Amino acid sequence: MLKILDVHVADIRFPTSSQSDGSDAMNPDPDYSATYVTLITNSAFKGNGLTFTIGRGNELCVAAVHALKFLLINKDLVEITRNMGVFWRSLVGD
């Protein structure tokens, strides 16, 4: 039984605004960023995922992961994957 024991979250920032890399009319000074998530399990397996942002708002993605990680900790992977719809609704519903 593969069980999720912890969720690690990293706020990764790339200083792209210093050279205006990736800038456009709506985002003149983006610092491309990523919220990087690692699921720690009770085995050697880990789960990794990320979401990219243009910098502004990345702290909201990080905060959202921290706020929702209690829904993952101590969950069995089979329980999650058995019915992804039920799991999804547990994440996005209140």
Protein backbone atom coordinates (compact mmCIF):
# COMPACT_ATOMS: atom_id res chain seq x y z
CA MET A 1 0.00 0.00 0.00
CA LEU A 2 1.53 3.28 -1.18
CA LYS A 3 0.65 6.03 1.28
CA ILE A 4 1.36 9.76 1.09
CA LEU A 5 3.16 10.82 4.26
CA ASP A 6 4.00 14.45 3.55
CA VAL A 7 3.78 17.21 0.96
CA HIS A 8 6.81 19.45 0.36
CA VAL A 9 6.29 22.77 -1.43
CA ALA A 10 8.93 25.04 -2.99
CA ASP A 11 8.45 28.57 -4.34
CA ILE A 12 10.93 28.82 -7.24
CA ARG A 13 11.59 32.20 -8.87
CA PHE A 14 13.49 33.02 -12.07
CA PRO A 15 14.66 36.66 -12.30
CA THR A 16 13.49 37.17 -15.90
CA SER A 17 12.38 40.78 -15.30
CA SER A 18 15.97 42.01 -15.06
CA GLN A 19 16.35 41.63 -18.86
CA SER A 20 12.61 41.91 -19.69
CA ASP A 21 12.63 38.28 -20.84
CA GLY A 22 9.07 37.12 -21.47
CA SER A 23 7.59 40.58 -21.08
CA ASP A 24 4.58 41.73 -23.06
CA ALA A 25 2.05 44.56 -22.98
CA MET A 26 0.16 43.05 -20.04
CA ASN A 27 3.21 41.82 -18.08
CA PRO A 28 6.07 44.31 -18.43
CA ASP A 29 8.24 42.82 -15.67
CA PRO A 30 7.49 39.12 -15.20
CA ASP A 31 9.64 36.97 -12.96
CA TYR A 32 8.68 33.54 -14.15
CA SER A 33 8.04 31.30 -11.20
CA ALA A 34 6.97 27.80 -10.31
CA THR A 35 5.30 26.12 -7.38
CA TYR A 36 7.08 22.77 -7.12
CA VAL A 37 5.37 20.03 -5.11
CA THR A 38 6.86 16.73 -3.94
CA LEU A 39 4.68 14.01 -2.44
CA ILE A 40 6.64 11.96 0.10
CA THR A 41 5.44 8.36 0.39
CA ASN A 42 6.09 5.41 2.66
CA SER A 43 8.32 3.91 -0.05
CA ALA A 44 11.19 5.03 -2.27
CA PHE A 45 8.66 6.50 -4.72
CA LYS A 46 7.96 10.23 -4.74
CA GLY A 47 5.47 12.25 -6.72
CA ASN A 48 6.47 15.54 -8.29
CA GLY A 49 4.43 18.26 -9.93
CA LEU A 50 4.57 21.93 -10.68
CA THR A 51 2.65 24.89 -11.93
CA PHE A 52 4.17 27.91 -13.65
CA THR A 53 3.19 31.52 -13.10
CA ILE A 54 4.52 34.87 -14.27
CA GLY A 55 5.65 35.58 -10.71
CA ARG A 56 2.77 37.60 -9.33
CA GLY A 57 0.48 35.16 -7.62
CA ASN A 58 2.99 32.36 -7.19
CA GLU A 59 2.77 32.80 -3.43
CA LEU A 60 -0.98 32.13 -3.78
CA CYS A 61 -0.27 28.80 -5.48
CA VAL A 62 2.17 27.90 -2.70
CA ALA A 63 -0.38 28.91 -0.04
CA ALA A 64 -3.08 26.85 -1.78
CA VAL A 65 -0.91 23.72 -1.67
CA HIS A 66 -0.18 24.30 2.01
CA ALA A 67 -3.89 24.84 2.70
CA LEU A 68 -4.94 21.65 0.89
CA LYS A 69 -2.14 19.25 1.77
CA PHE A 70 -4.05 17.90 4.77
CA LEU A 71 -6.38 16.28 2.20
CA LEU A 72 -3.43 14.22 0.90
CA ILE A 73 -1.47 13.29 4.00
CA ASN A 74 -2.07 9.68 5.08
CA LYS A 75 -4.06 8.93 1.91
CA ASP A 76 -3.57 5.62 0.14
CA LEU A 77 -2.74 6.10 -3.54
CA VAL A 78 -5.21 3.36 -4.52
CA GLU A 79 -7.93 5.23 -2.63
CA ILE A 80 -7.13 8.38 -4.62
CA THR A 81 -6.90 6.71 -8.04
CA ARG A 82 -9.89 4.41 -7.58
CA ASN A 83 -12.21 7.32 -8.31
CA MET A 84 -10.40 10.48 -9.34
CA GLY A 85 -13.70 12.38 -9.57
CA VAL A 86 -14.38 11.88 -5.87
CA PHE A 87 -10.82 12.91 -5.02
CA TRP A 88 -11.02 15.99 -7.28
CA ARG A 89 -14.26 17.11 -5.64
CA SER A 90 -12.63 16.74 -2.21
CA LEU A 91 -9.94 19.19 -3.36
CA VAL A 92 -12.14 21.79 -5.02
CA GLY A 93 -15.37 21.50 -3.03
CA ASP A 94 -16.06 22.77 0.40
